[in-house]
Amino acid sequence: MSRWEPNGRGRLEQAALELYVERGYEQTTVAEIAKRAGLTERTFFRHFADKREVLFGGAEALQELLVSRLAEAPASAAPIDAVAAALDPLGAHFRALREPARLRQSVIAANTELQERELIKLASLAAALAGALRGRGVGEPAASLAAEAGVAVFRVAFETWIGGNGERDLSEIARESLAELRSVTAGT
């Protein structure tokens, strides 16, 4: 083992993504991830519960960002407008992460277990947004509907963004997706 280097978590995430792309998620072991990162399996498990979580480590930070931005929306904002305000900073948050995000999604798309985990994380995000809306005094079912719609807009915008050529900003795509949703629900 070489001498200590900083950012063990980041190195594990990078090593895992590289191996998942090269060899496949199911064929990659925690031992191989740790070895490529120059760390031990024990260190891996200090950062992640299992090899799936390497791909979802940023979910909590994303949830915290969206919930805090939703809380900062004007008190007079309609529930969907508060959710839109929460989605707006995503472009800046993800700007430098486009290629890793694209690779991550390709790994998830190739594995049913990871697709299920992704859906669980998105459901958790929707629940957190609905809770934040309820905290603002929005009743049900409006809070849950606005939160679920926001997560759907995020998901569609994210998939469009990683599938594109990188010229368009994620926030711009999210705003366009929300406008499309409004158009669809208005019947125009």
C-alpha atoms as a PDB file:
ATOM      1  CA  MET A   1       0.000   0.000   0.000  1.00  0.00           C
ATOM      2  CA  SER A   2       1.372   3.413  -0.923  1.00  0.00           C
ATOM      3  CA  ARG A   3       1.524   6.375   1.419  1.00  0.00           C
ATOM      4  CA  TRP A   4      -1.687   8.160   2.381  1.00  0.00           C
ATOM      5  CA  GLU A   5      -3.262  10.393  -0.257  1.00  0.00           C
ATOM      6  CA  PRO A   6      -6.248  12.685   0.225  1.00  0.00           C
ATOM      7  CA  ASN A   7      -9.767  12.274  -1.211  1.00  0.00           C
ATOM      8  CA  GLY A   8     -10.159   8.567  -0.661  1.00  0.00           C
ATOM      9  CA  ARG A   9     -13.911   8.773  -1.282  1.00  0.00           C
ATOM     10  CA  GLY A  10     -13.427  10.521  -4.615  1.00  0.00           C
ATOM     11  CA  ARG A  11     -10.768   8.048  -5.678  1.00  0.00           C
ATOM     12  CA  LEU A  12     -13.077   5.146  -4.805  1.00  0.00           C
ATOM     13  CA  GLU A  13     -15.916   6.706  -6.813  1.00  0.00           C
ATOM     14  CA  GLN A  14     -13.655   7.239  -9.818  1.00  0.00           C
ATOM     15  CA  ALA A  15     -12.136   3.751  -9.606  1.00  0.00           C
ATOM     16  CA  ALA A  16     -15.578   2.137  -9.317  1.00  0.00           C
ATOM     17  CA  LEU A  17     -16.970   4.044 -12.275  1.00  0.00           C
ATOM     18  CA  GLU A  18     -13.965   3.158 -14.421  1.00  0.00           C
ATOM     19  CA  LEU A  19     -14.245  -0.522 -13.522  1.00  0.00           C
ATOM     20  CA  TYR A  20     -18.016  -0.625 -13.988  1.00  0.00           C
ATOM     21  CA  VAL A  21     -17.617   0.847 -17.463  1.00  0.00           C
ATOM     22  CA  GLU A  22     -14.675  -1.407 -18.365  1.00  0.00           C
ATOM     23  CA  ARG A  23     -15.879  -4.699 -16.887  1.00  0.00           C
ATOM     24  CA  GLY A  24     -19.507  -4.253 -15.932  1.00  0.00           C
ATOM     25  CA  TYR A  25     -21.084  -3.619 -12.567  1.00  0.00           C
ATOM     26  CA  GLU A  26     -21.727  -7.251 -11.678  1.00  0.00           C
ATOM     27  CA  GLN A  27     -18.241  -8.399 -12.647  1.00  0.00           C
ATOM     28  CA  THR A  28     -16.529  -5.777 -10.450  1.00  0.00           C
ATOM     29  CA  THR A  29     -15.708  -6.506  -6.812  1.00  0.00           C
ATOM     30  CA  VAL A  30     -15.168  -4.158  -3.893  1.00  0.00           C
ATOM     31  CA  ALA A  31     -11.622  -5.519  -3.616  1.00  0.00           C
ATOM     32  CA  GLU A  32     -10.900  -4.479  -7.202  1.00  0.00           C
ATOM     33  CA  ILE A  33     -12.336  -1.018  -6.638  1.00  0.00           C
ATOM     34  CA  ALA A  34     -10.264  -0.515  -3.500  1.00  0.00           C
ATOM     35  CA  LYS A  35      -7.114  -1.793  -5.195  1.00  0.00           C
ATOM     36  CA  ARG A  36      -7.534   0.535  -8.180  1.00  0.00           C
ATOM     37  CA  ALA A  37      -8.066   3.469  -5.794  1.00  0.00           C
ATOM     38  CA  GLY A  38      -4.954   2.506  -3.832  1.00  0.00           C
ATOM     39  CA  LEU A  39      -6.996   1.812  -0.703  1.00  0.00           C
ATOM     40  CA  THR A  40      -8.198  -1.138   1.351  1.00  0.00           C
ATOM     41  CA  GLU A  41     -11.590  -2.816   1.364  1.00  0.00           C
ATOM     42  CA  ARG A  42     -11.982  -1.618   4.934  1.00  0.00           C
ATOM     43  CA  THR A  43     -11.564   1.958   3.762  1.00  0.00           C
ATOM     44  CA  PHE A  44     -14.140   1.344   1.035  1.00  0.00           C
ATOM     45  CA  PHE A  45     -16.690   0.258   3.636  1.00  0.00           C
ATOM     46  CA  ARG A  46     -15.970   3.312   5.761  1.00  0.00           C
ATOM     47  CA  HIS A  47     -17.287   5.407   2.872  1.00  0.00           C
ATOM     48  CA  PHE A  48     -19.942   3.172   1.295  1.00  0.00           C
ATOM     49  CA  ALA A  49     -22.354   0.515   2.532  1.00  0.00           C
ATOM     50  CA  ASP A  50     -21.960  -1.531  -0.651  1.00  0.00           C
ATOM     51  CA  LYS A  51     -20.732  -1.275  -4.214  1.00  0.00           C
ATOM     52  CA  ARG A  52     -24.070   0.143  -5.411  1.00  0.00           C
ATOM     53  CA  GLU A  53     -23.782   3.171  -3.163  1.00  0.00           C
ATOM     54  CA  VAL A  54     -20.643   4.333  -4.970  1.00  0.00           C
ATOM     55  CA  LEU A  55     -22.955   5.419  -7.787  1.00  0.00           C
ATOM     56  CA  PHE A  56     -25.424   7.163  -5.467  1.00  0.00           C
ATOM     57  CA  GLY A  57     -23.105   8.929  -3.045  1.00  0.00           C
ATOM     58  CA  GLY A  58     -24.171  12.380  -4.214  1.00  0.00           C
ATOM     59  CA  ALA A  59     -27.906  11.768  -3.715  1.00  0.00           C
ATOM     60  CA  GLU A  60     -27.964  13.216  -0.205  1.00  0.00           C
ATOM     61  CA  ALA A  61     -26.117  16.379  -1.252  1.00  0.00           C
ATOM     62  CA  LEU A  62     -28.468  16.838  -4.204  1.00  0.00           C
ATOM     63  CA  GLN A  63     -31.484  16.382  -1.947  1.00  0.00           C
ATOM     64  CA  GLU A  64     -30.123  18.914   0.555  1.00  0.00           C
ATOM     65  CA  LEU A  65     -29.458  21.418  -2.244  1.00  0.00           C
ATOM     66  CA  LEU A  66     -32.951  21.092  -3.710  1.00  0.00           C
ATOM     67  CA  VAL A  67     -34.736  21.222  -0.351  1.00  0.00           C
ATOM     68  CA  SER A  68     -32.751  24.285   0.772  1.00  0.00           C
ATOM     69  CA  ARG A  69     -33.417  26.072  -2.519  1.00  0.00           C
ATOM     70  CA  LEU A  70     -37.103  25.229  -2.277  1.00  0.00           C
ATOM     71  CA  ALA A  71     -37.163  26.711   1.236  1.00  0.00           C
ATOM     72  CA  GLU A  72     -35.619  29.924  -0.137  1.00  0.00           C
ATOM     73  CA  ALA A  73     -38.352  30.377  -2.752  1.00  0.00           C
ATOM     74  CA  PRO A  74     -40.660  33.343  -2.112  1.00  0.00           C
ATOM     75  CA  ALA A  75     -43.455  32.510   0.338  1.00  0.00           C
ATOM     76  CA  SER A  76     -45.988  33.625  -2.262  1.00  0.00           C
ATOM     77  CA  ALA A  77     -44.698  31.137  -4.874  1.00  0.00           C
ATOM     78  CA  ALA A  78     -47.119  28.469  -6.057  1.00  0.00           C
ATOM     79  CA  PRO A  79     -45.952  24.930  -5.152  1.00  0.00           C
ATOM     80  CA  ILE A  80     -44.737  24.155  -8.690  1.00  0.00           C
ATOM     81  CA  ASP A  81     -42.928  27.516  -8.858  1.00  0.00           C
ATOM     82  CA  ALA A  82     -41.165  26.758  -5.573  1.00  0.00           C
ATOM     83  CA  VAL A  83     -40.081  23.415  -7.037  1.00  0.00           C
ATOM     84  CA  ALA A  84     -38.917  25.223 -10.193  1.00  0.00           C
ATOM     85  CA  ALA A  85     -36.821  27.550  -8.023  1.00  0.00           C
ATOM     86  CA  ALA A  86     -35.258  24.493  -6.409  1.00  0.00           C
ATOM     87  CA  LEU A  87     -34.357  23.003  -9.798  1.00  0.00           C
ATOM     88  CA  ASP A  88     -32.787  26.176 -11.162  1.00  0.00           C
ATOM     89  CA  PRO A  89     -29.293  25.824  -9.578  1.00  0.00           C
ATOM     90  CA  LEU A  90     -28.807  22.358 -11.043  1.00  0.00           C
ATOM     91  CA  GLY A  91     -26.894  23.661 -14.041  1.00  0.00           C
ATOM     92  CA  ALA A  92     -24.149  25.079 -11.854  1.00  0.00           C
ATOM     93  CA  HIS A  93     -24.168  22.008  -9.597  1.00  0.00           C
ATOM     94  CA  PHE A  94     -23.705  19.528 -12.458  1.00  0.00           C
ATOM     95  CA  ARG A  95     -21.751  21.607 -15.001  1.00  0.00           C
ATOM     96  CA  ALA A  96     -18.378  19.937 -14.431  1.00  0.00           C
ATOM     97  CA  LEU A  97     -19.924  16.493 -13.888  1.00  0.00           C
ATOM     98  CA  ARG A  98     -21.421  15.857 -17.307  1.00  0.00           C
ATOM     99  CA  GLU A  99     -19.061  13.094 -18.455  1.00  0.00           C
ATOM    100  CA  PRO A 100     -19.036  11.200 -15.129  1.00  0.00           C
ATOM    101  CA  ALA A 101     -22.842  11.587 -14.989  1.00  0.00           C
ATOM    102  CA  ARG A 102     -23.157  10.200 -18.506  1.00  0.00           C
ATOM    103  CA  LEU A 103     -20.962   7.212 -17.639  1.00  0.00           C
ATOM    104  CA  ARG A 104     -22.847   6.671 -14.365  1.00  0.00           C
ATOM    105  CA  GLN A 105     -26.175   6.593 -16.207  1.00  0.00           C
ATOM    106  CA  SER A 106     -24.827   4.097 -18.728  1.00  0.00           C
ATOM    107  CA  VAL A 107     -23.845   1.765 -15.876  1.00  0.00           C
ATOM    108  CA  ILE A 108     -27.262   2.168 -14.225  1.00  0.00           C
ATOM    109  CA  ALA A 109     -29.100   1.608 -17.512  1.00  0.00           C
ATOM    110  CA  ALA A 110     -27.294  -1.716 -17.960  1.00  0.00           C
ATOM    111  CA  ASN A 111     -28.333  -3.161 -14.579  1.00  0.00           C
ATOM    112  CA  THR A 112     -31.853  -3.713 -13.240  1.00  0.00           C
ATOM    113  CA  GLU A 113     -30.720  -3.657  -9.605  1.00  0.00           C
ATOM    114  CA  LEU A 114     -29.164  -0.230 -10.114  1.00  0.00           C
ATOM    115  CA  GLN A 115     -32.251   1.035 -11.942  1.00  0.00           C
ATOM    116  CA  GLU A 116     -34.314   0.038  -8.918  1.00  0.00           C
ATOM    117  CA  ARG A 117     -31.900   1.846  -6.594  1.00  0.00           C
ATOM    118  CA  GLU A 118     -32.118   4.942  -8.787  1.00  0.00           C
ATOM    119  CA  LEU A 119     -35.919   4.868  -8.546  1.00  0.00           C
ATOM    120  CA  ILE A 120     -35.716   4.550  -4.760  1.00  0.00           C
ATOM    121  CA  LYS A 121     -33.397   7.559  -4.579  1.00  0.00           C
ATOM    122  CA  LEU A 122     -35.747   9.594  -6.799  1.00  0.00           C
ATOM    123  CA  ALA A 123     -38.713   8.589  -4.625  1.00  0.00           C
ATOM    124  CA  SER A 124     -36.772   9.715  -1.564  1.00  0.00           C
ATOM    125  CA  LEU A 125     -36.057  13.030  -3.273  1.00  0.00           C
ATOM    126  CA  ALA A 126     -39.750  13.486  -4.095  1.00  0.00           C
ATOM    127  CA  ALA A 127     -40.695  12.715  -0.492  1.00  0.00           C
ATOM    128  CA  ALA A 128     -38.182  15.277   0.792  1.00  0.00           C
ATOM    129  CA  LEU A 129     -39.486  17.934  -1.599  1.00  0.00           C
ATOM    130  CA  ALA A 130     -43.087  17.151  -0.623  1.00  0.00           C
ATOM    131  CA  GLY A 131     -42.114  17.450   3.042  1.00  0.00           C
ATOM    132  CA  ALA A 132     -40.487  20.819   2.376  1.00  0.00           C
ATOM    133  CA  LEU A 133     -43.618  21.982   0.578  1.00  0.00           C
ATOM    134  CA  ARG A 134     -45.796  20.833   3.476  1.00  0.00           C
ATOM    135  CA  GLY A 135     -43.461  22.784   5.743  1.00  0.00           C
ATOM    136  CA  ARG A 136     -44.354  25.851   3.684  1.00  0.00           C
ATOM    137  CA  GLY A 137     -48.039  25.219   4.363  1.00  0.00           C
ATOM    138  CA  VAL A 138     -48.889  23.436   1.108  1.00  0.00           C
ATOM    139  CA  GLY A 139     -51.553  20.802   1.690  1.00  0.00           C
ATOM    140  CA  GLU A 140     -51.993  17.392   0.177  1.00  0.00           C
ATOM    141  CA  PRO A 141     -52.255  16.279  -2.526  1.00  0.00           C
ATOM    142  CA  ALA A 142     -50.725  19.509  -3.924  1.00  0.00           C
ATOM    143  CA  ALA A 143     -47.408  19.029  -2.087  1.00  0.00           C
ATOM    144  CA  SER A 144     -46.917  15.475  -3.352  1.00  0.00           C
ATOM    145  CA  LEU A 145     -48.078  16.281  -6.873  1.00  0.00           C
ATOM    146  CA  ALA A 146     -45.742  19.284  -7.196  1.00  0.00           C
ATOM    147  CA  ALA A 147     -42.818  17.297  -5.755  1.00  0.00           C
ATOM    148  CA  GLU A 148     -43.395  14.305  -8.036  1.00  0.00           C
ATOM    149  CA  ALA A 149     -43.767  16.626 -11.035  1.00  0.00           C
ATOM    150  CA  GLY A 150     -40.514  18.346 -10.086  1.00  0.00           C
ATOM    151  CA  VAL A 151     -38.667  15.039  -9.880  1.00  0.00           C
ATOM    152  CA  ALA A 152     -40.120  14.005 -13.260  1.00  0.00           C
ATOM    153  CA  VAL A 153     -38.948  17.303 -14.767  1.00  0.00           C
ATOM    154  CA  PHE A 154     -35.495  16.798 -13.236  1.00  0.00           C
ATOM    155  CA  ARG A 155     -35.265  13.234 -14.555  1.00  0.00           C
ATOM    156  CA  VAL A 156     -36.321  14.164 -18.099  1.00  0.00           C
ATOM    157  CA  ALA A 157     -34.039  17.207 -18.151  1.00  0.00           C
ATOM    158  CA  PHE A 158     -31.102  15.202 -16.775  1.00  0.00           C
ATOM    159  CA  GLU A 159     -31.499  12.454 -19.372  1.00  0.00           C
ATOM    160  CA  THR A 160     -31.764  15.060 -22.139  1.00  0.00           C
ATOM    161  CA  TRP A 161     -28.680  16.853 -20.826  1.00  0.00           C
ATOM    162  CA  ILE A 162     -26.431  13.783 -20.592  1.00  0.00           C
ATOM    163  CA  GLY A 163     -27.657  12.586 -23.981  1.00  0.00           C
ATOM    164  CA  GLY A 164     -26.891  15.909 -25.639  1.00  0.00           C
ATOM    165  CA  ASN A 165     -23.672  17.387 -26.920  1.00  0.00           C
ATOM    166  CA  GLY A 166     -22.942  19.428 -23.782  1.00  0.00           C
ATOM    167  CA  GLU A 167     -23.731  22.795 -25.306  1.00  0.00           C
ATOM    168  CA  ARG A 168     -26.971  23.303 -23.370  1.00  0.00           C
ATOM    169  CA  ASP A 169     -27.100  23.967 -19.641  1.00  0.00           C
ATOM    170  CA  LEU A 170     -29.050  21.567 -17.410  1.00  0.00           C
ATOM    171  CA  SER A 171     -30.966  24.463 -15.820  1.00  0.00           C
ATOM    172  CA  GLU A 172     -32.084  25.657 -19.244  1.00  0.00           C
ATOM    173  CA  ILE A 173     -33.265  22.170 -20.165  1.00  0.00           C
ATOM    174  CA  ALA A 174     -35.089  21.846 -16.829  1.00  0.00           C
ATOM    175  CA  ARG A 175     -36.900  25.159 -17.427  1.00  0.00           C
ATOM    176  CA  GLU A 176     -37.902  23.992 -20.912  1.00  0.00           C
ATOM    177  CA  SER A 177     -39.088  20.643 -19.537  1.00  0.00           C
ATOM    178  CA  LEU A 178     -41.160  22.399 -16.891  1.00  0.00           C
ATOM    179  CA  ALA A 179     -42.679  24.660 -19.542  1.00  0.00           C
ATOM    180  CA  GLU A 180     -43.531  21.569 -21.583  1.00  0.00           C
ATOM    181  CA  LEU A 181     -45.162  19.976 -18.538  1.00  0.00           C
ATOM    182  CA  ARG A 182     -47.211  23.117 -17.963  1.00  0.00           C
ATOM    183  CA  SER A 183     -48.256  23.036 -21.621  1.00  0.00           C
ATOM    184  CA  VAL A 184     -49.243  19.373 -21.446  1.00  0.00           C
ATOM    185  CA  THR A 185     -51.280  19.844 -18.269  1.00  0.00           C
ATOM    186  CA  ALA A 186     -52.945  22.981 -19.639  1.00  0.00           C
ATOM    187  CA  GLY A 187     -54.112  21.000 -22.658  1.00  0.00           C
ATOM    188  CA  THR A 188     -52.427  23.257 -25.213  1.00  0.00           C
END
